[in-house]
N, C-alpha and C. Protein backbone atom coordinates (compact mmCIF):
# COMPACT_ATOMS: atom_id res chain seq x y z
N MET A 1 128.00 61.21 67.67
CA MET A 1 127.88 62.10 67.18
C MET A 1 128.43 62.99 66.45
N SER A 2 128.31 62.77 65.34
CA SER A 2 129.11 63.61 64.77
C SER A 2 128.58 65.45 64.13
N LEU A 3 129.62 65.92 64.67
CA LEU A 3 129.16 67.80 64.46
C LEU A 3 130.07 67.82 62.77
N ILE A 4 128.92 68.64 62.12
CA ILE A 4 129.25 68.99 61.26
C ILE A 4 129.05 70.28 60.77
N MET A 5 130.36 70.92 60.18
CA MET A 5 130.90 72.75 60.88
C MET A 5 129.91 73.01 59.26
N ALA A 6 129.28 74.34 58.78
CA ALA A 6 129.39 74.82 57.71
C ALA A 6 130.46 75.35 57.18
N ARG A 7 130.84 74.56 55.72
CA ARG A 7 131.51 75.77 55.02
C ARG A 7 132.30 77.34 55.11
N PRO A 8 131.99 77.53 54.79
CA PRO A 8 131.87 79.24 54.10
C PRO A 8 132.11 79.37 52.48
N GLN A 9 131.40 79.70 52.14
CA GLN A 9 131.05 80.30 50.86
C GLN A 9 132.57 80.62 49.91
N ASN A 10 132.76 80.89 49.07
CA ASN A 10 133.56 80.71 48.43
C ASN A 10 133.65 82.38 47.42
N ASN A 11 133.41 83.25 48.06
CA ASN A 11 133.38 84.61 47.22
C ASN A 11 135.16 85.09 46.27
N ARG A 12 134.56 84.36 44.83
CA ARG A 12 136.27 84.65 43.93
C ARG A 12 135.67 86.39 43.39
N SER A 13 134.44 86.80 43.54
CA SER A 13 134.53 88.03 42.60
C SER A 13 135.03 88.87 43.17
N LYS A 14 135.60 88.82 44.75
CA LYS A 14 136.55 90.29 45.09
C LYS A 14 138.28 89.40 44.77
N PRO A 15 138.85 90.27 44.78
CA PRO A 15 140.39 90.08 44.81
C PRO A 15 140.82 89.46 46.03
N LEU A 16 141.40 89.02 46.18
CA LEU A 16 142.20 88.12 47.56
C LEU A 16 143.35 89.10 48.16
N ARG A 17 143.91 90.10 47.36
CA ARG A 17 144.68 91.00 48.26
C ARG A 17 144.72 92.18 46.99
N GLU A 18 144.21 93.56 48.16
CA GLU A 18 144.73 95.19 47.17
C GLU A 18 145.34 94.87 47.32
N ASN A 19 146.37 95.47 46.26
CA ASN A 19 147.70 95.77 46.32
C ASN A 19 147.32 98.07 46.76
N PRO A 20 148.56 97.89 48.13
CA PRO A 20 148.32 99.37 48.30
C PRO A 20 148.78 100.37 46.90
N LYS A 21 148.94 101.67 47.44
CA LYS A 21 148.90 102.27 47.07
C LYS A 21 151.03 103.01 46.93
N THR A 22 151.30 102.86 45.72
CA THR A 22 153.04 103.32 45.92
C THR A 22 153.25 104.42 46.21
N PRO A 23 154.08 104.72 47.74
CA PRO A 23 153.99 105.49 48.29
C PRO A 23 155.55 106.46 47.87
N GLN A 24 155.37 108.10 47.68
CA GLN A 24 155.35 108.84 46.14
C GLN A 24 156.92 109.44 48.07
N LYS A 25 158.30 109.32 46.87
CA LYS A 25 159.39 109.89 47.65
C LYS A 25 159.07 111.06 47.96
N GLU A 26 160.19 111.28 49.16
CA GLU A 26 160.34 112.64 49.46
C GLU A 26 160.56 113.68 48.33
N VAL A 27 160.54 115.50 48.07
CA VAL A 27 161.56 115.78 47.50
C VAL A 27 161.87 116.45 48.22
N GLU A 28 164.13 115.98 48.57
CA GLU A 28 164.93 116.53 49.55
C GLU A 28 165.49 118.01 48.99
N ALA A 29 164.96 118.81 49.87
CA ALA A 29 165.55 120.12 49.66
C ALA A 29 167.74 120.15 49.33
N GLU A 30 167.77 120.70 48.58
CA GLU A 30 169.69 120.84 48.64
C GLU A 30 169.81 121.63 50.00
N SER A 31 171.19 121.19 50.37
CA SER A 31 171.32 122.60 51.22
C SER A 31 171.79 124.45 49.76
N SER A 32 172.16 125.29 51.11
CA SER A 32 171.97 126.19 50.30
C SER A 32 173.68 126.18 49.78
N LYS A 33 173.68 127.26 49.18
CA LYS A 33 175.61 127.37 48.90
C LYS A 33 176.23 128.24 50.33
N ILE A 34 175.62 129.04 50.89
CA ILE A 34 176.15 129.10 52.30
C ILE A 34 176.05 127.90 53.28
N TYR A 35 175.45 127.50 53.04
CA TYR A 35 175.74 125.39 54.13
C TYR A 35 177.47 125.23 53.95
N VAL A 36 177.07 125.75 52.55
CA VAL A 36 178.08 124.82 51.95
C VAL A 36 179.74 126.07 52.20
N GLY A 37 179.58 126.51 52.00
CA GLY A 37 180.79 127.83 51.77
C GLY A 37 181.30 127.47 53.32
N ILE A 38 180.08 127.32 54.69
CA ILE A 38 180.80 127.72 55.88
C ILE A 38 181.06 126.24 56.55
N MET A 39 180.53 124.95 55.81
CA MET A 39 181.23 123.65 55.47
C MET A 39 183.07 123.61 55.30
N LEU A 40 182.52 124.05 53.93
CA LEU A 40 184.14 124.23 53.57
C LEU A 40 185.43 125.05 54.07
N GLY A 41 184.90 126.52 54.46
CA GLY A 41 185.15 127.74 55.31
C GLY A 41 186.15 126.57 56.57
N LEU A 42 185.25 126.31 57.48
CA LEU A 42 185.40 125.43 58.80
C LEU A 42 186.81 123.59 58.34
N PHE A 43 187.04 123.87 57.48
CA PHE A 43 187.58 122.73 57.30
C PHE A 43 188.85 123.01 56.59
N ALA A 44 188.61 124.46 56.15
CA ALA A 44 190.45 124.83 55.63
C ALA A 44 190.37 125.62 56.98
N ILE A 45 189.61 126.76 57.98
CA ILE A 45 190.57 127.21 58.80
C ILE A 45 190.96 126.15 60.06
N GLY A 46 189.93 124.95 60.65
CA GLY A 46 190.90 124.31 61.57
C GLY A 46 192.29 123.84 60.53
N SER A 47 192.02 123.53 58.72
CA SER A 47 193.51 122.85 58.92
C SER A 47 194.60 123.94 58.90
N LEU A 48 194.02 125.58 58.81
CA LEU A 48 195.21 126.50 58.42
C LEU A 48 195.72 126.65 60.38
N LEU A 49 195.06 126.09 61.18
CA LEU A 49 195.82 126.25 62.87
C LEU A 49 196.79 125.55 62.60
N ILE A 50 196.16 123.99 62.17
CA ILE A 50 197.24 122.91 62.43
C ILE A 50 198.44 123.45 62.03
N ILE A 51 198.69 123.55 60.72
CA ILE A 51 199.42 124.01 60.27
C ILE A 51 200.31 124.90 60.59
N LEU A 52 199.74 126.05 60.54
CA LEU A 52 200.76 126.96 61.85
C LEU A 52 200.91 127.17 62.46
N ASN A 53 199.86 126.08 63.87
CA ASN A 53 200.58 125.58 65.28
C ASN A 53 201.75 124.19 65.10
N TYR A 54 202.12 123.96 63.62
CA TYR A 54 202.96 123.33 63.54
C TYR A 54 204.54 123.65 62.99
N ILE A 55 204.21 124.95 62.03
CA ILE A 55 205.27 125.68 61.70
C ILE A 55 205.53 127.45 62.92
N GLY A 56 204.77 126.53 63.96
CA GLY A 56 205.30 127.59 64.98
C GLY A 56 205.18 129.15 64.49
N ALA A 57 204.30 130.03 63.99
CA ALA A 57 203.22 130.77 63.30
C ALA A 57 203.12 131.67 64.34
N PHE A 58 202.49 131.21 65.22
CA PHE A 58 201.55 131.72 66.67
C PHE A 58 202.75 132.27 67.64
N PRO A 59 202.34 133.08 68.36
CA PRO A 59 202.97 134.80 69.52
C PRO A 59 202.81 133.13 70.48
N GLY A 60 204.19 132.80 70.88
CA GLY A 60 204.13 132.18 72.23
C GLY A 60 204.82 130.92 71.74
N GLY A 61 205.21 130.51 70.52
CA GLY A 61 205.44 129.14 69.94
C GLY A 61 204.22 128.52 69.90
N SER A 62 204.87 127.53 69.58
CA SER A 62 203.46 125.19 69.31
C SER A 62 202.76 125.69 70.17
N SER A 63 200.96 125.56 70.46
CA SER A 63 200.12 125.09 71.81
C SER A 63 199.75 123.73 70.69
N SER A 64 199.44 123.13 71.92
CA SER A 64 198.14 121.99 71.86
C SER A 64 196.66 122.70 71.76
N TRP A 65 196.44 124.33 72.52
CA TRP A 65 195.48 124.11 72.52
C TRP A 65 194.84 124.98 70.79
N TRP A 66 195.61 125.45 70.32
CA TRP A 66 195.52 125.26 68.63
C TRP A 66 195.38 124.05 67.76
N PHE A 67 196.27 122.76 68.35
CA PHE A 67 196.40 121.96 67.66
C PHE A 67 194.79 121.30 67.99
N VAL A 68 194.28 120.98 69.36
CA VAL A 68 192.61 120.98 69.45
C VAL A 68 191.79 122.20 68.78
N GLY A 69 191.56 123.15 68.53
CA GLY A 69 191.04 123.93 67.99
C GLY A 69 190.83 123.56 66.96
N GLY A 70 191.53 123.69 65.85
CA GLY A 70 192.46 123.66 64.96
C GLY A 70 191.25 121.96 64.55
N LEU A 71 191.62 120.68 64.95
CA LEU A 71 191.19 119.75 64.58
C LEU A 71 188.97 119.58 65.25
N GLY A 72 188.55 120.85 66.28
CA GLY A 72 187.09 121.03 66.67
C GLY A 72 186.95 121.67 65.72
N LEU A 73 187.13 122.93 64.45
CA LEU A 73 186.77 123.14 63.58
C LEU A 73 186.29 122.33 62.31
N ILE A 74 187.21 121.45 62.42
CA ILE A 74 187.53 120.43 61.00
C ILE A 74 186.34 118.84 61.50
N GLY A 75 186.08 118.55 62.79
CA GLY A 75 185.31 118.08 63.03
C GLY A 75 183.89 118.95 63.35
N ALA A 76 184.22 119.60 63.36
CA ALA A 76 182.41 120.33 63.24
C ALA A 76 181.93 120.60 61.71
N GLY A 77 183.00 120.58 60.98
CA GLY A 77 183.08 120.88 58.90
C GLY A 77 182.70 119.16 59.11
N PHE A 78 183.21 117.95 59.24
CA PHE A 78 182.30 116.92 59.22
C PHE A 78 180.86 116.57 59.74
N GLY A 79 180.47 117.28 60.76
CA GLY A 79 179.37 117.46 61.65
C GLY A 79 178.13 117.91 60.34
N MET A 80 178.46 118.55 59.77
CA MET A 80 177.78 120.20 58.83
C MET A 80 177.77 118.31 57.77
N MET A 81 179.32 117.98 57.42
CA MET A 81 179.50 117.21 55.91
C MET A 81 177.40 116.29 56.02
N LEU A 82 177.23 115.42 57.74
CA LEU A 82 176.82 114.85 57.81
C LEU A 82 175.01 115.16 56.86
N ASN A 83 174.86 116.79 57.50
CA ASN A 83 173.24 117.29 56.84
C ASN A 83 173.69 117.51 56.40
N PHE A 84 174.96 117.24 55.16
CA PHE A 84 174.72 117.92 53.27
C PHE A 84 173.94 117.52 52.70
N LYS A 85 173.72 118.05 52.00
CA LYS A 85 172.06 117.20 50.70
C LYS A 85 172.29 117.63 49.36
């Protein structure tokens, strides 16, 4: 005994695949001038702290804490640069 399966009807009137709508790009807001000023200021102050510590311009001579503070400010500037648009 053989089983005969019914063949589905071929509907060629419908498209085989629907084209999805193209996603629209979101417009990203630019960073404000205050943000840029703070970012560059952190770079400048951090660099200045390292240079002044190197030449011994701070009271009490050079200290590693001034160096670490300068690197921290430069690092904060780099952290702000990651969000810069």
